[in-house]
Amino acid sequence: MPNLKYISGYDGRAWSSENPYSQEFVFDALQLKQSFVNAQTPEEAVTSFKSIRHFDKSSLAIWFKTDENEYYITSETLAQNKTILNFNKIRNTCVLNSVPRFKFNGIMEKYDRGEQAGFERPPADTNKGELRKVYEWLLNNQHCVSLQIWQPNQYDDVNKAAGLLFFDRLTHNYQNIYNQNEFQQLLDEYNAVAESGLTKPDLSIASRNSIKTFVYNLSTDIYNKNNNGLAEKLNYYTITRLEYHLKGLDRLVITMDPLLLPGRWLTEDDTYVQPQFLSQQPSLL
């Protein structure tokens, strides 16, 4: 709707349609439309907003576009003494930040791949340094993604940045929850029967690339050997448990799935809570 210039409504709490305040808001918002659209300064818009009856009694919100700018103002904004949002300035800032964005995305990609010298594994201490700067910068610029000013890129995801920032803690907690002795015993049994020589990397020091390679190689080997009759030789429980460990390793350490990662894993502290999905034994049916 390129000609749209004005939207009024609520951003949070709202009155019911039967409430007299709600009806008065609709009336006032329609009456004041032109005063917003014709506003020469943000201060004029604030004055118009405050002339709405009961503006401070609910979470009113108004978006409007003038000849020069595009603004968003809410009751919460005024209550917190914050300036109203100027979308033109935000867009311009996001465009300017596209330059450091590509630099920071490059740093993220190197740590994520874990192939290049110096980037094999995110450092254990990330209280300072470039990865911390990337995380904080992305956190401050997430609006550029949500407002679709930037074209989507996986390295703009602040969740991925958090996963890399706390990678050492993630691998530590993963090893606490997933029984590594069982994992090794299962792998030894598998290698003996399948005649494979796969070696599980030491997750406390391994590069991200070596962990990815291990997950890919074992998953592929299990798939290929199963199709070539290995299932008849190997205990089904062994295969099921191996796949259980591999899935956890992939989703929590490699993919760093934000929907599955417990928030307390992303901390500097050694404690963790076992998520429900990790406590469930795989079905043998």
C-alpha atoms as a PDB file:
ATOM      1  CA  MET A   1       0.000   0.000   0.000  1.00  0.00           C
ATOM      2  CA  PRO A   2       2.348   2.747  -1.216  1.00  0.00           C
ATOM      3  CA  ASN A   3      -0.143   5.551  -0.485  1.00  0.00           C
ATOM      4  CA  LEU A   4      -0.782   4.510   3.107  1.00  0.00           C
ATOM      5  CA  LYS A   5       0.165   7.316   5.501  1.00  0.00           C
ATOM      6  CA  TYR A   6      -1.512   6.614   8.811  1.00  0.00           C
ATOM      7  CA  ILE A   7      -2.283   3.639  11.092  1.00  0.00           C
ATOM      8  CA  SER A   8      -3.590   3.880  14.646  1.00  0.00           C
ATOM      9  CA  GLY A   9      -4.106   1.081  17.137  1.00  0.00           C
ATOM     10  CA  TYR A  10      -2.501  -0.558  20.162  1.00  0.00           C
ATOM     11  CA  ASP A  11       0.940  -1.938  20.948  1.00  0.00           C
ATOM     12  CA  GLY A  12       0.332  -4.072  24.019  1.00  0.00           C
ATOM     13  CA  ARG A  13      -2.576  -3.405  26.387  1.00  0.00           C
ATOM     14  CA  ALA A  14      -5.881  -2.410  24.790  1.00  0.00           C
ATOM     15  CA  TRP A  15      -9.358  -1.481  25.914  1.00  0.00           C
ATOM     16  CA  SER A  16     -12.330  -3.582  24.875  1.00  0.00           C
ATOM     17  CA  SER A  17     -14.389  -2.169  21.996  1.00  0.00           C
ATOM     18  CA  GLU A  18     -17.279  -1.504  24.421  1.00  0.00           C
ATOM     19  CA  ASN A  19     -15.152   0.676  26.678  1.00  0.00           C
ATOM     20  CA  PRO A  20     -15.914   4.403  26.218  1.00  0.00           C
ATOM     21  CA  TYR A  21     -12.154   5.093  26.228  1.00  0.00           C
ATOM     22  CA  SER A  22     -11.771   2.831  23.191  1.00  0.00           C
ATOM     23  CA  GLN A  23     -14.514   4.648  21.301  1.00  0.00           C
ATOM     24  CA  GLU A  24     -13.013   8.018  22.199  1.00  0.00           C
ATOM     25  CA  PHE A  25      -9.603   6.856  20.969  1.00  0.00           C
ATOM     26  CA  VAL A  26     -11.042   5.884  17.574  1.00  0.00           C
ATOM     27  CA  PHE A  27     -12.755   9.268  17.314  1.00  0.00           C
ATOM     28  CA  ASP A  28      -9.657  11.252  18.375  1.00  0.00           C
ATOM     29  CA  ALA A  29      -7.308   9.244  16.146  1.00  0.00           C
ATOM     30  CA  LEU A  30      -9.477   9.963  13.100  1.00  0.00           C
ATOM     31  CA  GLN A  31      -9.814  13.635  13.989  1.00  0.00           C
ATOM     32  CA  LEU A  32      -6.055  14.045  14.447  1.00  0.00           C
ATOM     33  CA  LYS A  33      -4.936  12.148  11.366  1.00  0.00           C
ATOM     34  CA  GLN A  34      -3.979  15.244   9.363  1.00  0.00           C
ATOM     35  CA  SER A  35      -2.108  16.806  12.273  1.00  0.00           C
ATOM     36  CA  PHE A  36       0.186  13.756  12.330  1.00  0.00           C
ATOM     37  CA  VAL A  37       0.641  13.545   8.561  1.00  0.00           C
ATOM     38  CA  ASN A  38       1.350  17.306   8.334  1.00  0.00           C
ATOM     39  CA  ALA A  39       3.694  17.402  11.343  1.00  0.00           C
ATOM     40  CA  GLN A  40       6.896  19.295  10.567  1.00  0.00           C
ATOM     41  CA  THR A  41       8.813  18.007  13.588  1.00  0.00           C
ATOM     42  CA  PRO A  42       8.639  15.016  15.976  1.00  0.00           C
ATOM     43  CA  GLU A  43       7.690  17.463  18.730  1.00  0.00           C
ATOM     44  CA  GLU A  44       4.539  18.456  16.837  1.00  0.00           C
ATOM     45  CA  ALA A  45       3.605  14.794  16.528  1.00  0.00           C
ATOM     46  CA  VAL A  46       4.104  14.279  20.264  1.00  0.00           C
ATOM     47  CA  THR A  47       1.830  17.233  20.981  1.00  0.00           C
ATOM     48  CA  SER A  48      -0.874  15.703  18.747  1.00  0.00           C
ATOM     49  CA  PHE A  49      -0.459  12.301  20.424  1.00  0.00           C
ATOM     50  CA  LYS A  50      -0.853  13.807  23.889  1.00  0.00           C
ATOM     51  CA  SER A  51      -4.079  15.494  22.808  1.00  0.00           C
ATOM     52  CA  ILE A  52      -5.683  12.051  22.443  1.00  0.00           C
ATOM     53  CA  ARG A  53      -7.911  11.530  25.454  1.00  0.00           C
ATOM     54  CA  HIS A  54      -6.570   8.998  27.970  1.00  0.00           C
ATOM     55  CA  PHE A  55      -3.409   8.457  25.859  1.00  0.00           C
ATOM     56  CA  ASP A  56      -1.492   7.485  29.007  1.00  0.00           C
ATOM     57  CA  LYS A  57      -4.088   4.958  30.207  1.00  0.00           C
ATOM     58  CA  SER A  58      -3.361   2.257  27.593  1.00  0.00           C
ATOM     59  CA  SER A  59      -0.722   1.197  25.052  1.00  0.00           C
ATOM     60  CA  LEU A  60      -1.791   3.389  22.157  1.00  0.00           C
ATOM     61  CA  ALA A  61       0.326   3.329  19.001  1.00  0.00           C
ATOM     62  CA  ILE A  62       0.353   5.411  15.823  1.00  0.00           C
ATOM     63  CA  TRP A  63       2.429   5.003  12.672  1.00  0.00           C
ATOM     64  CA  PHE A  64       2.393   7.889  10.222  1.00  0.00           C
ATOM     65  CA  LYS A  65       4.272   9.117   7.194  1.00  0.00           C
ATOM     66  CA  THR A  66       4.982  12.752   6.425  1.00  0.00           C
ATOM     67  CA  ASP A  67       6.449  14.165   3.212  1.00  0.00           C
ATOM     68  CA  GLU A  68       9.946  13.723   4.622  1.00  0.00           C
ATOM     69  CA  ASN A  69       9.872  10.964   7.223  1.00  0.00           C
ATOM     70  CA  GLU A  70       8.108   7.917   8.642  1.00  0.00           C
ATOM     71  CA  TYR A  71       7.457   7.716  12.401  1.00  0.00           C
ATOM     72  CA  TYR A  72       6.143   5.355  15.064  1.00  0.00           C
ATOM     73  CA  ILE A  73       4.963   6.661  18.426  1.00  0.00           C
ATOM     74  CA  THR A  74       3.463   4.802  21.406  1.00  0.00           C
ATOM     75  CA  SER A  75       2.247   5.538  24.914  1.00  0.00           C
ATOM     76  CA  GLU A  76       5.111   3.412  26.250  1.00  0.00           C
ATOM     77  CA  THR A  77       7.645   5.495  24.331  1.00  0.00           C
ATOM     78  CA  LEU A  78       6.420   8.703  25.935  1.00  0.00           C
ATOM     79  CA  ALA A  79       6.085   7.150  29.394  1.00  0.00           C
ATOM     80  CA  GLN A  80       9.763   6.141  29.250  1.00  0.00           C
ATOM     81  CA  ASN A  81      10.833   9.565  27.919  1.00  0.00           C
ATOM     82  CA  LYS A  82      12.241   7.982  24.774  1.00  0.00           C
ATOM     83  CA  THR A  83      12.339   9.629  21.358  1.00  0.00           C
ATOM     84  CA  ILE A  84       9.800   8.438  18.817  1.00  0.00           C
ATOM     85  CA  LEU A  85      11.059   6.091  16.113  1.00  0.00           C
ATOM     86  CA  ASN A  86      12.101   7.693  12.843  1.00  0.00           C
ATOM     87  CA  PHE A  87      12.162   4.839  10.324  1.00  0.00           C
ATOM     88  CA  ASN A  88      14.040   6.855   7.716  1.00  0.00           C
ATOM     89  CA  LYS A  89      16.930   7.385  10.117  1.00  0.00           C
ATOM     90  CA  ILE A  90      16.813   3.724  11.111  1.00  0.00           C
ATOM     91  CA  ARG A  91      16.949   2.605   7.473  1.00  0.00           C
ATOM     92  CA  ASN A  92      19.829   4.967   6.730  1.00  0.00           C
ATOM     93  CA  THR A  93      21.743   3.661   9.747  1.00  0.00           C
ATOM     94  CA  CYS A  94      21.116   0.049   8.682  1.00  0.00           C
ATOM     95  CA  VAL A  95      22.383   0.840   5.179  1.00  0.00           C
ATOM     96  CA  LEU A  96      25.549   2.380   6.638  1.00  0.00           C
ATOM     97  CA  ASN A  97      25.960  -0.622   8.942  1.00  0.00           C
ATOM     98  CA  SER A  98      25.828  -2.981   5.961  1.00  0.00           C
ATOM     99  CA  VAL A  99      29.590  -2.417   5.561  1.00  0.00           C
ATOM    100  CA  PRO A 100      30.643  -3.668   9.037  1.00  0.00           C
ATOM    101  CA  ARG A 101      27.874  -6.250   8.753  1.00  0.00           C
ATOM    102  CA  PHE A 102      29.723  -8.065   5.972  1.00  0.00           C
ATOM    103  CA  LYS A 103      32.967  -7.909   7.956  1.00  0.00           C
ATOM    104  CA  PHE A 104      31.297  -9.364  11.057  1.00  0.00           C
ATOM    105  CA  ASN A 105      29.489 -12.003   9.000  1.00  0.00           C
ATOM    106  CA  GLY A 106      32.894 -13.056   7.674  1.00  0.00           C
ATOM    107  CA  ILE A 107      34.230 -13.526  11.209  1.00  0.00           C
ATOM    108  CA  MET A 108      31.139 -15.531  12.167  1.00  0.00           C
ATOM    109  CA  GLU A 109      31.450 -17.739   9.092  1.00  0.00           C
ATOM    110  CA  LYS A 110      35.109 -18.532   9.820  1.00  0.00           C
ATOM    111  CA  TYR A 111      34.336 -19.600  13.387  1.00  0.00           C
ATOM    112  CA  ASP A 112      31.273 -21.535  12.245  1.00  0.00           C
ATOM    113  CA  ARG A 113      33.191 -23.499   9.604  1.00  0.00           C
ATOM    114  CA  GLY A 114      36.195 -24.042  11.856  1.00  0.00           C
ATOM    115  CA  GLU A 115      38.540 -24.692   8.922  1.00  0.00           C
ATOM    116  CA  GLN A 116      40.849 -21.700   8.774  1.00  0.00           C
ATOM    117  CA  ALA A 117      43.923 -21.299  10.977  1.00  0.00           C
ATOM    118  CA  GLY A 118      43.068 -19.252  14.050  1.00  0.00           C
ATOM    119  CA  PHE A 119      39.347 -19.943  13.665  1.00  0.00           C
ATOM    120  CA  GLU A 120      39.285 -23.716  14.192  1.00  0.00           C
ATOM    121  CA  ARG A 121      37.391 -23.367  17.457  1.00  0.00           C
ATOM    122  CA  PRO A 122      35.868 -20.341  19.210  1.00  0.00           C
ATOM    123  CA  PRO A 123      38.060 -19.362  22.187  1.00  0.00           C
ATOM    124  CA  ALA A 124      37.078 -20.582  25.649  1.00  0.00           C
ATOM    125  CA  ASP A 125      37.210 -17.071  27.093  1.00  0.00           C
ATOM    126  CA  THR A 126      34.936 -14.861  25.014  1.00  0.00           C
ATOM    127  CA  ASN A 127      34.359 -12.159  27.605  1.00  0.00           C
ATOM    128  CA  LYS A 128      36.297  -9.888  25.264  1.00  0.00           C
ATOM    129  CA  GLY A 129      37.574 -10.146  21.729  1.00  0.00           C
ATOM    130  CA  GLU A 130      36.144 -10.032  18.222  1.00  0.00           C
ATOM    131  CA  LEU A 131      33.465 -12.704  18.728  1.00  0.00           C
ATOM    132  CA  ARG A 132      32.046 -10.763  21.673  1.00  0.00           C
ATOM    133  CA  LYS A 133      32.044  -7.586  19.547  1.00  0.00           C
ATOM    134  CA  VAL A 134      30.199  -9.418  16.764  1.00  0.00           C
ATOM    135  CA  TYR A 135      27.554 -10.711  19.195  1.00  0.00           C
ATOM    136  CA  GLU A 136      26.952  -7.312  20.809  1.00  0.00           C
ATOM    137  CA  TRP A 137      26.884  -5.569  17.435  1.00  0.00           C
ATOM    138  CA  LEU A 138      24.317  -8.033  16.052  1.00  0.00           C
ATOM    139  CA  LEU A 139      22.247  -7.665  19.202  1.00  0.00           C
ATOM    140  CA  ASN A 140      22.138  -3.896  18.647  1.00  0.00           C
ATOM    141  CA  ASN A 141      21.260  -4.246  14.956  1.00  0.00           C
ATOM    142  CA  GLN A 142      18.670  -7.043  14.950  1.00  0.00           C
ATOM    143  CA  HIS A 143      16.027  -4.485  13.959  1.00  0.00           C
ATOM    144  CA  CYS A 144      17.710  -4.233  10.535  1.00  0.00           C
ATOM    145  CA  VAL A 145      16.801  -7.905  10.010  1.00  0.00           C
ATOM    146  CA  SER A 146      13.314  -7.789  11.542  1.00  0.00           C
ATOM    147  CA  LEU A 147      12.436  -4.676   9.505  1.00  0.00           C
ATOM    148  CA  GLN A 148      13.711  -6.506   6.383  1.00  0.00           C
ATOM    149  CA  ILE A 149      16.132  -3.712   5.576  1.00  0.00           C
ATOM    150  CA  TRP A 150      18.894  -6.300   5.241  1.00  0.00           C
ATOM    151  CA  GLN A 151      18.542  -9.264   2.951  1.00  0.00           C
ATOM    152  CA  PRO A 152      18.471 -12.455   5.060  1.00  0.00           C
ATOM    153  CA  ASN A 153      21.816 -14.046   5.923  1.00  0.00           C
ATOM    154  CA  GLN A 154      22.323 -16.884   8.382  1.00  0.00           C
ATOM    155  CA  TYR A 155      25.185 -15.016  10.050  1.00  0.00           C
ATOM    156  CA  ASP A 156      22.889 -12.136  10.993  1.00  0.00           C
ATOM    157  CA  ASP A 157      21.212 -14.527  13.449  1.00  0.00           C
ATOM    158  CA  VAL A 158      22.078 -13.450  16.982  1.00  0.00           C
ATOM    159  CA  ASN A 159      21.243 -17.008  18.155  1.00  0.00           C
ATOM    160  CA  LYS A 160      24.059 -18.389  16.018  1.00  0.00           C
ATOM    161  CA  ALA A 161      26.397 -15.725  17.377  1.00  0.00           C
ATOM    162  CA  ALA A 162      25.439 -16.715  20.938  1.00  0.00           C
ATOM    163  CA  GLY A 163      26.073 -20.381  20.124  1.00  0.00           C
ATOM    164  CA  LEU A 164      29.569 -19.598  18.855  1.00  0.00           C
ATOM    165  CA  LEU A 165      30.261 -17.228  21.734  1.00  0.00           C
ATOM    166  CA  PHE A 166      29.471 -19.945  24.273  1.00  0.00           C
ATOM    167  CA  PHE A 167      30.669 -22.874  22.167  1.00  0.00           C
ATOM    168  CA  ASP A 168      33.064 -24.120  24.832  1.00  0.00           C
ATOM    169  CA  ARG A 169      30.256 -24.134  27.378  1.00  0.00           C
ATOM    170  CA  LEU A 170      27.902 -25.913  24.960  1.00  0.00           C
ATOM    171  CA  THR A 171      30.353 -28.747  24.328  1.00  0.00           C
ATOM    172  CA  HIS A 172      31.024 -29.020  28.061  1.00  0.00           C
ATOM    173  CA  ASN A 173      27.321 -29.335  28.889  1.00  0.00           C
ATOM    174  CA  TYR A 174      26.702 -31.680  25.969  1.00  0.00           C
ATOM    175  CA  GLN A 175      29.354 -34.064  27.308  1.00  0.00           C
ATOM    176  CA  ASN A 176      27.837 -33.898  30.798  1.00  0.00           C
ATOM    177  CA  ILE A 177      24.392 -34.865  29.542  1.00  0.00           C
ATOM    178  CA  TYR A 178      25.239 -37.356  26.810  1.00  0.00           C
ATOM    179  CA  ASN A 179      27.148 -40.306  28.273  1.00  0.00           C
ATOM    180  CA  GLN A 180      30.462 -40.163  26.430  1.00  0.00           C
ATOM    181  CA  ASN A 181      31.628 -43.557  27.692  1.00  0.00           C
ATOM    182  CA  GLU A 182      28.506 -45.141  26.218  1.00  0.00           C
ATOM    183  CA  PHE A 183      29.061 -43.214  22.974  1.00  0.00           C
ATOM    184  CA  GLN A 184      32.619 -44.568  22.718  1.00  0.00           C
ATOM    185  CA  GLN A 185      31.547 -48.154  23.506  1.00  0.00           C
ATOM    186  CA  LEU A 186      28.822 -47.978  20.858  1.00  0.00           C
ATOM    187  CA  LEU A 187      31.298 -46.606  18.329  1.00  0.00           C
ATOM    188  CA  ASP A 188      33.835 -49.361  19.129  1.00  0.00           C
ATOM    189  CA  GLU A 189      31.159 -52.023  18.643  1.00  0.00           C
ATOM    190  CA  TYR A 190      30.046 -50.414  15.416  1.00  0.00           C
ATOM    191  CA  ASN A 191      33.596 -50.150  14.041  1.00  0.00           C
ATOM    192  CA  ALA A 192      34.270 -53.821  14.838  1.00  0.00           C
ATOM    193  CA  VAL A 193      31.174 -55.108  13.052  1.00  0.00           C
ATOM    194  CA  ALA A 194      31.050 -52.576  10.224  1.00  0.00           C
ATOM    195  CA  GLU A 195      34.811 -52.663   9.672  1.00  0.00           C
ATOM    196  CA  SER A 196      34.952 -48.892   9.899  1.00  0.00           C
ATOM    197  CA  GLY A 197      37.810 -46.953  11.438  1.00  0.00           C
ATOM    198  CA  LEU A 198      35.920 -43.897  12.627  1.00  0.00           C
ATOM    199  CA  THR A 199      37.354 -42.000  15.597  1.00  0.00           C
ATOM    200  CA  LYS A 200      35.335 -39.715  17.849  1.00  0.00           C
ATOM    201  CA  PRO A 201      37.109 -36.375  18.312  1.00  0.00           C
ATOM    202  CA  ASP A 202      37.869 -35.023  21.769  1.00  0.00           C
ATOM    203  CA  LEU A 203      35.029 -32.526  22.021  1.00  0.00           C
ATOM    204  CA  SER A 204      36.790 -30.448  24.654  1.00  0.00           C
ATOM    205  CA  ILE A 205      39.518 -29.407  22.163  1.00  0.00           C
ATOM    206  CA  ALA A 206      38.310 -30.460  18.692  1.00  0.00           C
ATOM    207  CA  SER A 207      37.772 -27.913  15.920  1.00  0.00           C
ATOM    208  CA  ARG A 208      34.230 -27.348  14.739  1.00  0.00           C
ATOM    209  CA  ASN A 209      35.237 -28.690  11.335  1.00  0.00           C
ATOM    210  CA  SER A 210      36.516 -31.983  12.767  1.00  0.00           C
ATOM    211  CA  ILE A 211      33.289 -32.435  14.776  1.00  0.00           C
ATOM    212  CA  LYS A 212      31.196 -31.718  11.669  1.00  0.00           C
ATOM    213  CA  THR A 213      33.286 -34.153   9.635  1.00  0.00           C
ATOM    214  CA  PHE A 214      32.838 -36.888  12.243  1.00  0.00           C
ATOM    215  CA  VAL A 215      29.063 -36.412  12.395  1.00  0.00           C
ATOM    216  CA  TYR A 216      28.792 -36.454   8.599  1.00  0.00           C
ATOM    217  CA  ASN A 217      31.086 -39.476   8.124  1.00  0.00           C
ATOM    218  CA  LEU A 218      29.425 -41.636  10.795  1.00  0.00           C
ATOM    219  CA  SER A 219      25.898 -40.721   9.681  1.00  0.00           C
ATOM    220  CA  THR A 220      26.768 -41.505   6.058  1.00  0.00           C
ATOM    221  CA  ASP A 221      28.529 -44.743   7.007  1.00  0.00           C
ATOM    222  CA  ILE A 222      25.562 -45.968   9.057  1.00  0.00           C
ATOM    223  CA  TYR A 223      23.184 -45.154   6.196  1.00  0.00           C
ATOM    224  CA  ASN A 224      25.324 -46.904   3.566  1.00  0.00           C
ATOM    225  CA  LYS A 225      26.091 -49.968   5.687  1.00  0.00           C
ATOM    226  CA  ASN A 226      22.432 -50.377   6.646  1.00  0.00           C
ATOM    227  CA  ASN A 227      21.537 -50.443   2.964  1.00  0.00           C
ATOM    228  CA  ASN A 228      24.214 -53.093   2.418  1.00  0.00           C
ATOM    229  CA  GLY A 229      22.964 -55.550   5.026  1.00  0.00           C
ATOM    230  CA  LEU A 230      24.763 -54.271   8.140  1.00  0.00           C
ATOM    231  CA  ALA A 231      21.478 -54.197  10.059  1.00  0.00           C
ATOM    232  CA  GLU A 232      21.462 -58.004  10.032  1.00  0.00           C
ATOM    233  CA  LYS A 233      24.858 -58.120  11.773  1.00  0.00           C
ATOM    234  CA  LEU A 234      24.653 -55.225  14.207  1.00  0.00           C
ATOM    235  CA  ASN A 235      22.443 -54.962  17.257  1.00  0.00           C
ATOM    236  CA  TYR A 236      19.543 -52.619  16.434  1.00  0.00           C
ATOM    237  CA  TYR A 237      19.877 -50.980  19.838  1.00  0.00           C
ATOM    238  CA  THR A 238      23.486 -50.042  19.014  1.00  0.00           C
ATOM    239  CA  ILE A 239      22.430 -48.272  15.822  1.00  0.00           C
ATOM    240  CA  THR A 240      19.531 -46.521  17.578  1.00  0.00           C
ATOM    241  CA  ARG A 241      21.716 -45.245  20.405  1.00  0.00           C
ATOM    242  CA  LEU A 242      24.467 -44.136  18.027  1.00  0.00           C
ATOM    243  CA  GLU A 243      21.945 -42.124  16.018  1.00  0.00           C
ATOM    244  CA  TYR A 244      20.638 -40.654  19.275  1.00  0.00           C
ATOM    245  CA  HIS A 245      24.116 -39.411  20.201  1.00  0.00           C
ATOM    246  CA  LEU A 246      24.761 -38.132  16.680  1.00  0.00           C
ATOM    247  CA  LYS A 247      21.494 -36.221  16.534  1.00  0.00           C
ATOM    248  CA  GLY A 248      22.265 -34.501  19.825  1.00  0.00           C
ATOM    249  CA  LEU A 249      25.797 -33.666  18.725  1.00  0.00           C
ATOM    250  CA  ASP A 250      24.563 -32.208  15.464  1.00  0.00           C
ATOM    251  CA  ARG A 251      21.662 -30.192  16.854  1.00  0.00           C
ATOM    252  CA  LEU A 252      23.297 -28.893  20.022  1.00  0.00           C
ATOM    253  CA  VAL A 253      26.977 -28.496  19.164  1.00  0.00           C
ATOM    254  CA  ILE A 254      27.039 -28.037  15.380  1.00  0.00           C
ATOM    255  CA  THR A 255      23.655 -26.540  14.408  1.00  0.00           C
ATOM    256  CA  MET A 256      23.212 -24.971  17.874  1.00  0.00           C
ATOM    257  CA  ASP A 257      19.433 -25.125  17.465  1.00  0.00           C
ATOM    258  CA  PRO A 258      18.052 -22.181  19.512  1.00  0.00           C
ATOM    259  CA  LEU A 259      14.726 -23.979  19.980  1.00  0.00           C
ATOM    260  CA  LEU A 260      16.452 -26.839  21.793  1.00  0.00           C
ATOM    261  CA  LEU A 261      19.279 -25.143  23.661  1.00  0.00           C
ATOM    262  CA  PRO A 262      18.423 -24.534  27.328  1.00  0.00           C
ATOM    263  CA  GLY A 263      19.003 -20.883  28.160  1.00  0.00           C
ATOM    264  CA  ARG A 264      21.218 -21.815  31.106  1.00  0.00           C
ATOM    265  CA  TRP A 265      23.662 -23.496  28.739  1.00  0.00           C
ATOM    266  CA  LEU A 266      24.559 -20.053  27.445  1.00  0.00           C
ATOM    267  CA  THR A 267      26.195 -18.984  30.678  1.00  0.00           C
ATOM    268  CA  GLU A 268      29.628 -18.899  32.196  1.00  0.00           C
ATOM    269  CA  ASP A 269      28.539 -21.234  34.976  1.00  0.00           C
ATOM    270  CA  ASP A 270      28.978 -24.985  35.151  1.00  0.00           C
ATOM    271  CA  THR A 271      25.418 -25.808  36.130  1.00  0.00           C
ATOM    272  CA  TYR A 272      22.873 -27.133  33.686  1.00  0.00           C
ATOM    273  CA  VAL A 273      19.343 -28.484  33.620  1.00  0.00           C
ATOM    274  CA  GLN A 274      18.683 -31.588  31.586  1.00  0.00           C
ATOM    275  CA  PRO A 275      15.995 -30.762  28.987  1.00  0.00           C
ATOM    276  CA  GLN A 276      13.079 -33.156  28.805  1.00  0.00           C
ATOM    277  CA  PHE A 277      13.821 -34.233  25.251  1.00  0.00           C
ATOM    278  CA  LEU A 278      17.305 -35.402  26.313  1.00  0.00           C
ATOM    279  CA  SER A 279      15.944 -37.571  29.110  1.00  0.00           C
ATOM    280  CA  GLN A 280      13.724 -39.571  26.786  1.00  0.00           C
ATOM    281  CA  GLN A 281      15.085 -42.917  25.683  1.00  0.00           C
ATOM    282  CA  PRO A 282      14.766 -43.656  21.951  1.00  0.00           C
ATOM    283  CA  SER A 283      12.000 -46.025  21.026  1.00  0.00           C
ATOM    284  CA  LEU A 284      13.053 -49.514  19.950  1.00  0.00           C
ATOM    285  CA  LEU A 285       9.722 -50.222  18.263  1.00  0.00           C
END
